[in-house]
Amino acid sequence: MATDPLQKTTSPAAATDAPADLVRFDRVVKRFGDHVVLDRLDFSVQRGEHVTLIGPSGSGKTTILRLLMTLERVSDGVIWVNGEPLSHMRGADGNLKPANEKHLREVRRKIGMVFQQFNLFPNMKVLQNITEAPVNVLGLGREEAEERARELLDLVGLSDKVDAHPSQLSGGQQQRVAIARALAMRPEILLLDEVTSALDPELVAGVLDLLREIAHTTDITMLVVTHEMNFARDISDQVLMFDSGRIIESGSPEKIFSDPEQDRTREFLSAVL
C-alpha cells in the first residue's frame, strides 16, 4: 500500500515533549571580514510555522538559511534547533563549544533546502537525484527510497520524468525535482531561498502553486526568502522585515502588507508590490 510521501517520522508523544520553538536564533552575529551581515539576531520559529523573510538584497536573509544549512558558521551567538544547539555542541564540561562536522551532519539531517539554482546532479537521472541522499545519508534501502521518490515525483507532477536527465527538463521541472529531492529527506524544516528567481516568468506560477500546496497540506516548518509578496501573503504565519542584518518589523502578513509600522517597510513594499 502506498504511503504518504510527506508522512512525518516523529511520534505524537515526541512532538508533545519537544520545545515549541523548533528554531531559535540567540544573539547571532555573522561577519565576513569587517562586514557585519547579521547583527545580534534574535528570533524564533515555532513547530509547523511558516515564516517569510523579506527585505532588500544584502540584508542578511539568505545568510540565515545558509547558517541553518551549516554552509556558513556563526561568528557569535548560538542557533538552536529542536532545543539542541546547531552551531555548537556541549563539551565534556557541559559548556558549549563550536560544533564539529559530525555534530553538524547529524543536526542538519532535520533540515532541507531548495536553492535559487537547482543544483541537480547533471550525470544522474531524476530518480537517482532524489534517492541519493536518502540512501547514503538516512541509510534507507534502495527499494524504499525509490518508492518514496516515485510518490514525490507524482506529487510534483513529474511521474513521467523518472528516467530523464536534468538537461532534458525545463527550469520549472528542474526546480520541481529539487523540491522533491528536499522532501525525500522528510525534513522537519524546509528552507526556500528565492526558488523562482532563476525561472522564466511563465514557469513561476506552477512552482509557487506546488509550494502553496505543500504549505497548506503538511506540517513542515518553513523558512522562506522571497520577493514574491503575494506568495508570502498566502503561505506565511509570520513575516519578518530585514534591513542591514536586523529585523526592523515583524507580524502577520495582514499586518506587514496592509499596515506596516516602519517607514523602511513601507518604502520596500512600495517598490516590490
C-alpha atoms as a PDB file:
ATOM      1  CA  MET A   1       0.000   0.000   0.000  1.00  0.00           C
ATOM      2  CA  ALA A   2       1.356   3.435  -0.939  1.00  0.00           C
ATOM      3  CA  THR A   3       2.430   5.644   1.948  1.00  0.00           C
ATOM      4  CA  ASP A   4       2.057   9.378   2.307  1.00  0.00           C
ATOM      5  CA  PRO A   5       5.265  10.790   0.776  1.00  0.00           C
ATOM      6  CA  LEU A   6       5.221  13.618   3.323  1.00  0.00           C
ATOM      7  CA  GLN A   7       4.414  11.472   6.341  1.00  0.00           C
ATOM      8  CA  LYS A   8       6.326  12.544   9.427  1.00  0.00           C
ATOM      9  CA  THR A   9       8.548  10.145  11.360  1.00  0.00           C
ATOM     10  CA  THR A  10       8.226  11.987  14.700  1.00  0.00           C
ATOM     11  CA  SER A  11       5.762  10.328  17.048  1.00  0.00           C
ATOM     12  CA  PRO A  12       2.959  12.392  18.645  1.00  0.00           C
ATOM     13  CA  ALA A  13       4.476  11.835  22.066  1.00  0.00           C
ATOM     14  CA  ALA A  14       7.870  13.048  20.942  1.00  0.00           C
ATOM     15  CA  ALA A  15       6.308  16.091  19.324  1.00  0.00           C
ATOM     16  CA  THR A  16       4.420  16.876  22.551  1.00  0.00           C
ATOM     17  CA  ASP A  17       7.592  16.726  24.613  1.00  0.00           C
ATOM     18  CA  ALA A  18       9.597  18.827  22.163  1.00  0.00           C
ATOM     19  CA  PRO A  19      10.061  22.574  22.650  1.00  0.00           C
ATOM     20  CA  ALA A  20       7.535  24.814  20.903  1.00  0.00           C
ATOM     21  CA  ASP A  21      10.342  26.772  19.245  1.00  0.00           C
ATOM     22  CA  LEU A  22      11.787  24.489  16.599  1.00  0.00           C
ATOM     23  CA  VAL A  23      14.346  27.111  15.537  1.00  0.00           C
ATOM     24  CA  ARG A  24      15.818  29.858  17.695  1.00  0.00           C
ATOM     25  CA  PHE A  25      18.496  32.409  16.852  1.00  0.00           C
ATOM     26  CA  ASP A  26      20.074  33.657  20.087  1.00  0.00           C
ATOM     27  CA  ARG A  27      22.034  36.908  19.547  1.00  0.00           C
ATOM     28  CA  VAL A  28      23.542  35.511  16.358  1.00  0.00           C
ATOM     29  CA  VAL A  29      26.241  37.536  14.639  1.00  0.00           C
ATOM     30  CA  LYS A  30      27.698  36.753  11.228  1.00  0.00           C
ATOM     31  CA  ARG A  31      30.657  38.675   9.874  1.00  0.00           C
ATOM     32  CA  PHE A  32      32.520  38.423   6.617  1.00  0.00           C
ATOM     33  CA  GLY A  33      35.763  40.162   7.450  1.00  0.00           C
ATOM     34  CA  ASP A  34      34.834  43.537   8.912  1.00  0.00           C
ATOM     35  CA  HIS A  35      31.372  43.476   7.350  1.00  0.00           C
ATOM     36  CA  VAL A  36      28.590  42.539   9.781  1.00  0.00           C
ATOM     37  CA  VAL A  37      25.856  40.686   7.839  1.00  0.00           C
ATOM     38  CA  LEU A  38      23.729  39.679  10.841  1.00  0.00           C
ATOM     39  CA  ASP A  39      23.807  41.883  13.913  1.00  0.00           C
ATOM     40  CA  ARG A  40      22.836  40.178  17.207  1.00  0.00           C
ATOM     41  CA  LEU A  41      19.863  38.500  15.626  1.00  0.00           C
ATOM     42  CA  ASP A  42      17.131  37.171  17.929  1.00  0.00           C
ATOM     43  CA  PHE A  43      14.071  35.368  16.595  1.00  0.00           C
ATOM     44  CA  SER A  44      12.312  32.030  16.835  1.00  0.00           C
ATOM     45  CA  VAL A  45      10.160  29.834  14.625  1.00  0.00           C
ATOM     46  CA  GLN A  46       7.571  27.554  16.177  1.00  0.00           C
ATOM     47  CA  ARG A  47       6.987  23.978  15.113  1.00  0.00           C
ATOM     48  CA  GLY A  48       4.803  23.899  11.991  1.00  0.00           C
ATOM     49  CA  GLU A  49       5.053  27.659  11.445  1.00  0.00           C
ATOM     50  CA  HIS A  50       5.682  29.256   8.043  1.00  0.00           C
ATOM     51  CA  VAL A  51       7.931  32.310   8.325  1.00  0.00           C
ATOM     52  CA  THR A  52       8.855  34.531   5.393  1.00  0.00           C
ATOM     53  CA  LEU A  53      11.905  36.776   5.415  1.00  0.00           C
ATOM     54  CA  ILE A  54      11.578  39.890   3.295  1.00  0.00           C
ATOM     55  CA  GLY A  55      13.797  42.909   2.726  1.00  0.00           C
ATOM     56  CA  PRO A  56      16.272  44.376   0.278  1.00  0.00           C
ATOM     57  CA  SER A  57      19.115  42.380  -1.243  1.00  0.00           C
ATOM     58  CA  GLY A  58      22.082  42.213   1.103  1.00  0.00           C
ATOM     59  CA  SER A  59      20.004  42.484   4.275  1.00  0.00           C
ATOM     60  CA  GLY A  60      21.078  39.049   5.546  1.00  0.00           C
ATOM     61  CA  LYS A  61      18.089  36.864   4.621  1.00  0.00           C
ATOM     62  CA  THR A  62      19.911  34.188   2.620  1.00  0.00           C
ATOM     63  CA  THR A  63      22.720  34.124   5.184  1.00  0.00           C
ATOM     64  CA  ILE A  64      20.174  32.959   7.769  1.00  0.00           C
ATOM     65  CA  LEU A  65      19.277  29.975   5.591  1.00  0.00           C
ATOM     66  CA  ARG A  66      22.922  29.200   4.895  1.00  0.00           C
ATOM     67  CA  LEU A  67      23.664  29.215   8.634  1.00  0.00           C
ATOM     68  CA  LEU A  68      20.803  26.789   9.230  1.00  0.00           C
ATOM     69  CA  MET A  69      22.150  24.513   6.495  1.00  0.00           C
ATOM     70  CA  THR A  70      25.617  24.819   8.133  1.00  0.00           C
ATOM     71  CA  LEU A  71      27.018  26.161   4.869  1.00  0.00           C
ATOM     72  CA  GLU A  72      28.292  29.065   6.976  1.00  0.00           C
ATOM     73  CA  ARG A  73      29.421  29.236  10.611  1.00  0.00           C
ATOM     74  CA  VAL A  74      28.151  31.799  13.106  1.00  0.00           C
ATOM     75  CA  SER A  75      30.629  34.442  14.271  1.00  0.00           C
ATOM     76  CA  ASP A  76      28.910  34.825  17.637  1.00  0.00           C
ATOM     77  CA  GLY A  77      25.729  33.674  19.373  1.00  0.00           C
ATOM     78  CA  VAL A  78      24.008  30.293  19.141  1.00  0.00           C
ATOM     79  CA  ILE A  79      21.440  28.737  16.797  1.00  0.00           C
ATOM     80  CA  TRP A  80      19.130  26.171  18.401  1.00  0.00           C
ATOM     81  CA  VAL A  81      17.130  23.527  16.541  1.00  0.00           C
ATOM     82  CA  ASN A  82      14.596  21.454  18.462  1.00  0.00           C
ATOM     83  CA  GLY A  83      16.149  22.514  21.743  1.00  0.00           C
ATOM     84  CA  GLU A  84      19.640  21.419  20.726  1.00  0.00           C
ATOM     85  CA  PRO A  85      22.462  23.712  19.611  1.00  0.00           C
ATOM     86  CA  LEU A  86      23.069  23.607  15.853  1.00  0.00           C
ATOM     87  CA  SER A  87      26.072  25.867  15.669  1.00  0.00           C
ATOM     88  CA  HIS A  88      27.609  24.465  18.854  1.00  0.00           C
ATOM     89  CA  MET A  89      27.912  21.248  20.846  1.00  0.00           C
ATOM     90  CA  ARG A  90      28.383  20.516  24.530  1.00  0.00           C
ATOM     91  CA  GLY A  91      31.872  19.706  25.670  1.00  0.00           C
ATOM     92  CA  ALA A  92      32.849  17.313  28.464  1.00  0.00           C
ATOM     93  CA  ASP A  93      32.463  20.191  30.956  1.00  0.00           C
ATOM     94  CA  GLY A  94      28.895  20.851  29.780  1.00  0.00           C
ATOM     95  CA  ASN A  95      29.746  24.173  28.177  1.00  0.00           C
ATOM     96  CA  LEU A  96      29.047  24.992  24.545  1.00  0.00           C
ATOM     97  CA  LYS A  97      31.857  24.924  22.024  1.00  0.00           C
ATOM     98  CA  PRO A  98      31.820  25.242  18.211  1.00  0.00           C
ATOM     99  CA  ALA A  99      30.258  22.166  16.626  1.00  0.00           C
ATOM    100  CA  ASN A 100      32.396  19.629  14.831  1.00  0.00           C
ATOM    101  CA  GLU A 101      31.470  18.185  11.434  1.00  0.00           C
ATOM    102  CA  LYS A 102      29.905  15.028  12.899  1.00  0.00           C
ATOM    103  CA  HIS A 103      27.516  17.101  15.029  1.00  0.00           C
ATOM    104  CA  LEU A 104      26.642  19.349  12.086  1.00  0.00           C
ATOM    105  CA  ARG A 105      25.867  16.356   9.856  1.00  0.00           C
ATOM    106  CA  GLU A 106      23.562  14.861  12.480  1.00  0.00           C
ATOM    107  CA  VAL A 107      21.581  18.038  13.145  1.00  0.00           C
ATOM    108  CA  ARG A 108      21.193  19.135   9.535  1.00  0.00           C
ATOM    109  CA  ARG A 109      19.500  15.828   8.658  1.00  0.00           C
ATOM    110  CA  LYS A 110      16.373  17.543  10.012  1.00  0.00           C
ATOM    111  CA  ILE A 111      16.694  20.408   7.532  1.00  0.00           C
ATOM    112  CA  GLY A 112      16.047  20.527   3.784  1.00  0.00           C
ATOM    113  CA  MET A 113      16.775  23.403   1.449  1.00  0.00           C
ATOM    114  CA  VAL A 114      15.706  24.375  -2.054  1.00  0.00           C
ATOM    115  CA  PHE A 115      18.144  26.817  -3.628  1.00  0.00           C
ATOM    116  CA  GLN A 116      17.812  29.557  -6.237  1.00  0.00           C
ATOM    117  CA  GLN A 117      19.778  27.375  -8.630  1.00  0.00           C
ATOM    118  CA  PHE A 118      18.522  23.827  -8.905  1.00  0.00           C
ATOM    119  CA  ASN A 119      21.850  22.138  -8.067  1.00  0.00           C
ATOM    120  CA  LEU A 120      20.805  18.795  -9.526  1.00  0.00           C
ATOM    121  CA  PHE A 121      23.482  16.243 -10.361  1.00  0.00           C
ATOM    122  CA  PRO A 122      23.702  16.503 -14.185  1.00  0.00           C
ATOM    123  CA  ASN A 123      25.105  12.988 -14.652  1.00  0.00           C
ATOM    124  CA  MET A 124      22.261  11.348 -12.701  1.00  0.00           C
ATOM    125  CA  LYS A 125      18.738  10.638 -13.841  1.00  0.00           C
ATOM    126  CA  VAL A 126      15.858  12.257 -11.978  1.00  0.00           C
ATOM    127  CA  LEU A 127      15.139   9.191  -9.830  1.00  0.00           C
ATOM    128  CA  GLN A 128      18.736   8.912  -8.655  1.00  0.00           C
ATOM    129  CA  ASN A 129      18.911  12.650  -7.920  1.00  0.00           C
ATOM    130  CA  ILE A 130      16.100  12.120  -5.426  1.00  0.00           C
ATOM    131  CA  THR A 131      17.236   8.796  -3.920  1.00  0.00           C
ATOM    132  CA  GLU A 132      20.948   9.541  -3.489  1.00  0.00           C
ATOM    133  CA  ALA A 133      20.711  11.354  -0.135  1.00  0.00           C
ATOM    134  CA  PRO A 134      18.041   9.126   1.479  1.00  0.00           C
ATOM    135  CA  VAL A 135      20.174   6.060   0.692  1.00  0.00           C
ATOM    136  CA  ASN A 136      23.574   7.477   1.625  1.00  0.00           C
ATOM    137  CA  VAL A 137      22.621   9.857   4.442  1.00  0.00           C
ATOM    138  CA  LEU A 138      19.491   8.335   6.000  1.00  0.00           C
ATOM    139  CA  GLY A 139      20.523   4.764   5.258  1.00  0.00           C
ATOM    140  CA  LEU A 140      17.260   3.828   3.529  1.00  0.00           C
ATOM    141  CA  GLY A 141      17.155   0.730   1.381  1.00  0.00           C
ATOM    142  CA  ARG A 142      17.218   1.403  -2.341  1.00  0.00           C
ATOM    143  CA  GLU A 143      13.708  -0.003  -2.845  1.00  0.00           C
ATOM    144  CA  GLU A 144      12.157   2.157  -0.115  1.00  0.00           C
ATOM    145  CA  ALA A 145      13.998   5.256  -1.351  1.00  0.00           C
ATOM    146  CA  GLU A 146      12.819   4.697  -4.906  1.00  0.00           C
ATOM    147  CA  GLU A 147       9.222   4.147  -3.782  1.00  0.00           C
ATOM    148  CA  ARG A 148       9.326   7.436  -1.881  1.00  0.00           C
ATOM    149  CA  ALA A 149      10.923   9.205  -4.840  1.00  0.00           C
ATOM    150  CA  ARG A 150       8.222   7.989  -7.223  1.00  0.00           C
ATOM    151  CA  GLU A 151       5.492   9.168  -4.840  1.00  0.00           C
ATOM    152  CA  LEU A 152       7.118  12.588  -4.599  1.00  0.00           C
ATOM    153  CA  LEU A 153       7.531  12.835  -8.367  1.00  0.00           C
ATOM    154  CA  ASP A 154       3.829  12.128  -8.656  1.00  0.00           C
ATOM    155  CA  LEU A 155       3.173  14.869  -6.086  1.00  0.00           C
ATOM    156  CA  VAL A 156       5.177  17.438  -8.086  1.00  0.00           C
ATOM    157  CA  GLY A 157       3.648  16.327 -11.398  1.00  0.00           C
ATOM    158  CA  LEU A 158       6.710  14.659 -12.886  1.00  0.00           C
ATOM    159  CA  SER A 159       5.964  10.962 -12.629  1.00  0.00           C
ATOM    160  CA  ASP A 160       6.812  10.577 -16.335  1.00  0.00           C
ATOM    161  CA  LYS A 161      10.336  12.041 -15.887  1.00  0.00           C
ATOM    162  CA  VAL A 162      11.852   9.286 -13.740  1.00  0.00           C
ATOM    163  CA  ASP A 163      14.488   8.374 -16.325  1.00  0.00           C
ATOM    164  CA  ALA A 164      15.192  11.870 -17.671  1.00  0.00           C
ATOM    165  CA  HIS A 165      18.437  13.728 -17.069  1.00  0.00           C
ATOM    166  CA  PRO A 166      18.247  17.322 -15.741  1.00  0.00           C
ATOM    167  CA  SER A 167      19.366  18.686 -19.117  1.00  0.00           C
ATOM    168  CA  GLN A 168      16.185  17.247 -20.640  1.00  0.00           C
ATOM    169  CA  LEU A 169      13.947  19.213 -18.263  1.00  0.00           C
ATOM    170  CA  SER A 170      12.750  22.800 -18.290  1.00  0.00           C
ATOM    171  CA  GLY A 171      13.807  25.118 -15.482  1.00  0.00           C
ATOM    172  CA  GLY A 172      10.442  24.752 -13.789  1.00  0.00           C
ATOM    173  CA  GLN A 173      10.673  20.964 -13.977  1.00  0.00           C
ATOM    174  CA  GLN A 174      14.206  21.013 -12.562  1.00  0.00           C
ATOM    175  CA  GLN A 175      13.043  23.114  -9.637  1.00  0.00           C
ATOM    176  CA  ARG A 176      10.182  20.664  -9.000  1.00  0.00           C
ATOM    177  CA  VAL A 177      12.735  17.842  -8.881  1.00  0.00           C
ATOM    178  CA  ALA A 178      14.797  19.901  -6.436  1.00  0.00           C
ATOM    179  CA  ILE A 179      11.715  20.318  -4.234  1.00  0.00           C
ATOM    180  CA  ALA A 180      11.029  16.577  -4.383  1.00  0.00           C
ATOM    181  CA  ARG A 181      14.661  15.895  -3.505  1.00  0.00           C
ATOM    182  CA  ALA A 182      14.433  18.109  -0.412  1.00  0.00           C
ATOM    183  CA  LEU A 183      11.161  16.471   0.674  1.00  0.00           C
ATOM    184  CA  ALA A 184      12.618  12.982   0.206  1.00  0.00           C
ATOM    185  CA  MET A 185      14.688  13.551   3.350  1.00  0.00           C
ATOM    186  CA  ARG A 186      11.451  14.117   5.312  1.00  0.00           C
ATOM    187  CA  PRO A 187      12.819  17.301   6.854  1.00  0.00           C
ATOM    188  CA  GLU A 188      11.306  18.898   9.920  1.00  0.00           C
ATOM    189  CA  ILE A 189      12.354  22.249   8.471  1.00  0.00           C
ATOM    190  CA  LEU A 190      12.226  23.268   4.796  1.00  0.00           C
ATOM    191  CA  LEU A 191      14.237  26.299   3.685  1.00  0.00           C
ATOM    192  CA  LEU A 192      13.284  28.039   0.436  1.00  0.00           C
ATOM    193  CA  ASP A 193      15.743  30.567  -0.972  1.00  0.00           C
ATOM    194  CA  GLU A 194      14.245  32.625  -3.819  1.00  0.00           C
ATOM    195  CA  VAL A 195      13.267  29.391  -5.511  1.00  0.00           C
ATOM    196  CA  THR A 196      11.645  31.112  -8.509  1.00  0.00           C
ATOM    197  CA  SER A 197      14.323  33.723  -9.189  1.00  0.00           C
ATOM    198  CA  ALA A 198      16.095  31.618 -11.838  1.00  0.00           C
ATOM    199  CA  LEU A 199      12.877  30.671 -13.651  1.00  0.00           C
ATOM    200  CA  ASP A 200      11.336  32.190 -16.744  1.00  0.00           C
ATOM    201  CA  PRO A 201       8.237  34.206 -15.754  1.00  0.00           C
ATOM    202  CA  GLU A 202       5.793  31.735 -17.289  1.00  0.00           C
ATOM    203  CA  LEU A 203       7.162  28.940 -15.074  1.00  0.00           C
ATOM    204  CA  VAL A 204       6.938  30.790 -11.766  1.00  0.00           C
ATOM    205  CA  ALA A 205       3.231  30.277 -11.081  1.00  0.00           C
ATOM    206  CA  GLY A 206       3.406  26.479 -11.312  1.00  0.00           C
ATOM    207  CA  VAL A 207       6.260  26.203  -8.807  1.00  0.00           C
ATOM    208  CA  LEU A 208       4.567  28.622  -6.397  1.00  0.00           C
ATOM    209  CA  ASP A 209       1.304  26.672  -6.642  1.00  0.00           C
ATOM    210  CA  LEU A 210       3.177  23.491  -5.717  1.00  0.00           C
ATOM    211  CA  LEU A 211       4.767  25.175  -2.697  1.00  0.00           C
ATOM    212  CA  ARG A 212       1.386  26.557  -1.626  1.00  0.00           C
ATOM    213  CA  GLU A 213       0.025  23.008  -1.680  1.00  0.00           C
ATOM    214  CA  ILE A 214       2.905  21.763   0.463  1.00  0.00           C
ATOM    215  CA  ALA A 215       2.466  24.664   2.893  1.00  0.00           C
ATOM    216  CA  HIS A 216      -1.274  24.145   3.228  1.00  0.00           C
ATOM    217  CA  THR A 217      -1.358  20.335   3.402  1.00  0.00           C
ATOM    218  CA  THR A 218       1.661  19.412   5.557  1.00  0.00           C
ATOM    219  CA  ASP A 219       3.020  20.373   8.961  1.00  0.00           C
ATOM    220  CA  ILE A 220       6.547  21.027   7.721  1.00  0.00           C
ATOM    221  CA  THR A 221       8.081  24.121   9.298  1.00  0.00           C
ATOM    222  CA  MET A 222       9.121  26.537   6.549  1.00  0.00           C
ATOM    223  CA  LEU A 223      11.508  29.484   6.361  1.00  0.00           C
ATOM    224  CA  VAL A 224      11.110  31.315   3.079  1.00  0.00           C
ATOM    225  CA  VAL A 225      13.157  34.039   1.405  1.00  0.00           C
ATOM    226  CA  THR A 226      11.206  35.508  -1.488  1.00  0.00           C
ATOM    227  CA  HIS A 227      10.341  38.648  -3.402  1.00  0.00           C
ATOM    228  CA  GLU A 228       7.021  37.077  -4.423  1.00  0.00           C
ATOM    229  CA  MET A 229       4.894  39.070  -1.993  1.00  0.00           C
ATOM    230  CA  ASN A 230       1.547  37.532  -2.947  1.00  0.00           C
ATOM    231  CA  PHE A 231       3.027  34.100  -2.274  1.00  0.00           C
ATOM    232  CA  ALA A 232       4.366  35.329   1.078  1.00  0.00           C
ATOM    233  CA  ARG A 233       0.946  36.698   1.978  1.00  0.00           C
ATOM    234  CA  ASP A 234      -0.712  33.367   1.097  1.00  0.00           C
ATOM    235  CA  ILE A 235       1.516  30.947   2.995  1.00  0.00           C
ATOM    236  CA  SER A 236       3.003  32.867   5.933  1.00  0.00           C
ATOM    237  CA  ASP A 237       2.072  32.770   9.592  1.00  0.00           C
ATOM    238  CA  GLN A 238       4.710  35.409  10.319  1.00  0.00           C
ATOM    239  CA  VAL A 239       6.650  37.868   8.155  1.00  0.00           C
ATOM    240  CA  LEU A 240       9.997  39.328   9.206  1.00  0.00           C
ATOM    241  CA  MET A 241      11.243  42.521   7.571  1.00  0.00           C
ATOM    242  CA  PHE A 242      15.036  42.750   7.439  1.00  0.00           C
ATOM    243  CA  ASP A 243      17.300  45.709   6.867  1.00  0.00           C
ATOM    244  CA  SER A 244      21.074  45.823   7.421  1.00  0.00           C
ATOM    245  CA  GLY A 245      21.178  42.487   9.218  1.00  0.00           C
ATOM    246  CA  ARG A 246      18.421  43.261  11.698  1.00  0.00           C
ATOM    247  CA  ILE A 247      14.705  42.599  11.980  1.00  0.00           C
ATOM    248  CA  ILE A 248      13.081  46.005  11.905  1.00  0.00           C
ATOM    249  CA  GLU A 249       9.479  44.777  11.931  1.00  0.00           C
ATOM    250  CA  SER A 250       7.590  41.512  12.290  1.00  0.00           C
ATOM    251  CA  GLY A 251       3.974  40.441  12.316  1.00  0.00           C
ATOM    252  CA  SER A 252       1.228  38.633  10.479  1.00  0.00           C
ATOM    253  CA  PRO A 253       1.100  39.012   6.686  1.00  0.00           C
ATOM    254  CA  GLU A 254      -2.066  41.089   7.066  1.00  0.00           C
ATOM    255  CA  LYS A 255      -0.240  43.490   9.376  1.00  0.00           C
ATOM    256  CA  ILE A 256       3.014  43.730   7.431  1.00  0.00           C
ATOM    257  CA  PHE A 257       1.499  44.034   3.960  1.00  0.00           C
ATOM    258  CA  SER A 258      -1.539  46.170   4.834  1.00  0.00           C
ATOM    259  CA  ASP A 259      -0.474  48.296   7.793  1.00  0.00           C
ATOM    260  CA  PRO A 260       3.303  48.289   8.343  1.00  0.00           C
ATOM    261  CA  GLU A 261       4.621  50.444  11.162  1.00  0.00           C
ATOM    262  CA  GLN A 262       8.085  51.269   9.823  1.00  0.00           C
ATOM    263  CA  ASP A 263       8.794  53.760   7.049  1.00  0.00           C
ATOM    264  CA  ARG A 264      11.507  51.431   5.722  1.00  0.00           C
ATOM    265  CA  THR A 265       8.989  48.603   5.401  1.00  0.00           C
ATOM    266  CA  ARG A 266       6.530  50.811   3.551  1.00  0.00           C
ATOM    267  CA  GLU A 267       9.314  52.018   1.255  1.00  0.00           C
ATOM    268  CA  PHE A 268      10.416  48.465   0.474  1.00  0.00           C
ATOM    269  CA  LEU A 269       6.890  47.188  -0.165  1.00  0.00           C
ATOM    270  CA  SER A 270       6.045  50.112  -2.420  1.00  0.00           C
ATOM    271  CA  ALA A 271       8.992  49.101  -4.599  1.00  0.00           C
ATOM    272  CA  VAL A 272       8.118  45.391  -4.852  1.00  0.00           C
ATOM    273  CA  LEU A 273       4.326  45.270  -4.809  1.00  0.00           C
END
